[in-house]
Each structure stands twice: as structure tokens, then as C-alpha cells.
C-alpha atoms as a PDB file:
ATOM      1  CA  UNK A   1      60.330 159.322 132.507  1.00  0.00           C
ATOM      2  CA  UNK A   2      63.788 159.336 130.977  1.00  0.00           C
ATOM      3  CA  UNK A   3      64.233 159.204 127.231  1.00  0.00           C
ATOM      4  CA  UNK A   4      66.872 159.576 124.551  1.00  0.00           C
ATOM      5  CA  UNK A   5      65.796 163.227 124.273  1.00  0.00           C
ATOM      6  CA  UNK A   6      67.058 163.832 127.819  1.00  0.00           C
ATOM      7  CA  UNK A   7      70.528 162.563 127.056  1.00  0.00           C
ATOM      8  CA  UNK A   8      73.245 165.113 126.448  1.00  0.00           C
ATOM      9  CA  UNK A   9      74.832 162.557 124.117  1.00  0.00           C
ATOM     10  CA  UNK A  10      71.887 161.516 121.964  1.00  0.00           C
ATOM     11  CA  UNK A  11      69.455 164.439 122.198  1.00  0.00           C
ATOM     12  CA  UNK A  12      70.863 166.120 119.099  1.00  0.00           C
ATOM     13  CA  UNK A  13      70.358 162.960 117.054  1.00  0.00           C
ATOM     14  CA  UNK A  14      66.596 163.532 117.261  1.00  0.00           C
ATOM     15  CA  UNK A  15      66.703 167.243 116.391  1.00  0.00           C
ATOM     16  CA  UNK A  16      64.831 166.657 113.138  1.00  0.00           C
ATOM     17  CA  UNK A  17      61.068 167.006 113.757  1.00  0.00           C
ATOM     18  CA  UNK A  18      60.212 164.189 111.365  1.00  0.00           C
ATOM     19  CA  UNK A  19      62.591 161.822 113.110  1.00  0.00           C
ATOM     20  CA  UNK A  20      61.591 162.889 116.604  1.00  0.00           C
ATOM     21  CA  UNK A  21      57.934 162.161 115.746  1.00  0.00           C
ATOM     22  CA  UNK A  22      58.914 158.503 115.381  1.00  0.00           C
ATOM     23  CA  UNK A  23      59.865 158.483 119.058  1.00  0.00           C
ATOM     24  CA  UNK A  24      56.850 160.374 120.395  1.00  0.00           C
ATOM     25  CA  UNK A  25      54.456 158.974 122.982  1.00  0.00           C
ATOM     26  CA  UNK A  26      51.797 158.735 120.277  1.00  0.00           C
ATOM     27  CA  UNK A  27      54.092 156.709 118.014  1.00  0.00           C
ATOM     28  CA  UNK A  28      54.957 154.387 120.896  1.00  0.00           C
ATOM     29  CA  UNK A  29      51.295 153.766 121.700  1.00  0.00           C
ATOM     30  CA  UNK A  30      50.430 153.216 118.027  1.00  0.00           C
ATOM     31  CA  UNK A  31      53.218 150.641 117.783  1.00  0.00           C
ATOM     32  CA  UNK A  32      51.985 148.833 120.896  1.00  0.00           C
ATOM     33  CA  UNK A  33      48.433 148.766 119.523  1.00  0.00           C
ATOM     34  CA  UNK A  34      49.672 147.369 116.184  1.00  0.00           C
ATOM     35  CA  UNK A  35      51.517 144.612 118.022  1.00  0.00           C
ATOM     36  CA  UNK A  36      48.436 143.686 120.051  1.00  0.00           C
ATOM     37  CA  UNK A  37      46.263 143.591 116.929  1.00  0.00           C
ATOM     38  CA  UNK A  38      48.707 141.346 115.084  1.00  0.00           C
ATOM     39  CA  UNK A  39      49.064 139.138 118.153  1.00  0.00           C
ATOM     40  CA  UNK A  40      45.295 138.618 118.234  1.00  0.00           C
ATOM     41  CA  UNK A  41      45.283 137.722 114.521  1.00  0.00           C
ATOM     42  CA  UNK A  42      48.106 135.208 114.972  1.00  0.00           C
ATOM     43  CA  UNK A  43      46.450 133.685 118.020  1.00  0.00           C
ATOM     44  CA  UNK A  44      43.266 133.169 115.995  1.00  0.00           C
ATOM     45  CA  UNK A  45      45.242 131.602 113.144  1.00  0.00           C
ATOM     46  CA  UNK A  46      46.936 129.209 115.575  1.00  0.00           C
ATOM     47  CA  UNK A  47      43.676 128.343 117.320  1.00  0.00           C
ATOM     48  CA  UNK A  48      44.784 129.826 120.641  1.00  0.00           C
ATOM     49  CA  UNK A  49      41.758 132.114 120.849  1.00  0.00           C
ATOM     50  CA  UNK A  50      38.412 131.837 119.060  1.00  0.00           C
ATOM     51  CA  UNK A  51      37.926 133.894 115.893  1.00  0.00           C
ATOM     52  CA  UNK A  52      35.059 135.847 117.455  1.00  0.00           C
ATOM     53  CA  UNK A  53      37.258 137.055 120.309  1.00  0.00           C
ATOM     54  CA  UNK A  54      40.131 137.851 117.943  1.00  0.00           C
ATOM     55  CA  UNK A  55      37.863 140.010 115.828  1.00  0.00           C
ATOM     56  CA  UNK A  56      36.547 141.711 118.966  1.00  0.00           C
ATOM     57  CA  UNK A  57      40.086 142.535 120.077  1.00  0.00           C
ATOM     58  CA  UNK A  58      41.029 143.958 116.685  1.00  0.00           C
ATOM     59  CA  UNK A  59      37.784 145.935 116.506  1.00  0.00           C
ATOM     60  CA  UNK A  60      38.260 147.360 120.000  1.00  0.00           C
ATOM     61  CA  UNK A  61      41.818 148.389 119.185  1.00  0.00           C
ATOM     62  CA  UNK A  62      40.721 149.960 115.879  1.00  0.00           C
ATOM     63  CA  UNK A  63      38.341 152.220 117.770  1.00  0.00           C
ATOM     64  CA  UNK A  64      40.731 152.901 120.649  1.00  0.00           C
ATOM     65  CA  UNK A  65      41.350 156.545 121.481  1.00  0.00           C
ATOM     66  CA  UNK A  66      44.186 157.307 123.857  1.00  0.00           C
ATOM     67  CA  UNK A  67      44.443 160.835 125.138  1.00  0.00           C
END
């Protein structure tokens, strides 16, 4: 996998540990999970999926552990 950290141009931009944590694999996965949860909520609100299934999706993602 290639990332901004591999670049000789941009790697020093992320030298700060706090900033580099924002671009970690864990942060990426957390962002993707947040998007999926919000998508399920919006789909319920628009009547695209039933409320029961929307709640099940959100619940499953709340208990998701990625290692």
C-alpha cells in the first residue's frame, strides 16, 4: 500500500504524532464505519430500508471490532 507517509515530498508534513494518528489505518476504518452508520440512519429516514434493519446495522457497527 502506498500512502502520503511514503512520499519524499509529503512525509515530513505528518511528522507530528497527533497529526499522523489522523491518517492511521485505525482512523480510516473508524471513519468508514461512521459513514456506514450515518448512511443506515439516513436510509431509514428516507424509507429506503426498514427501521428494524437500520437499527441492526448501527448496532452491528457499534459492536464491530477490527483487528
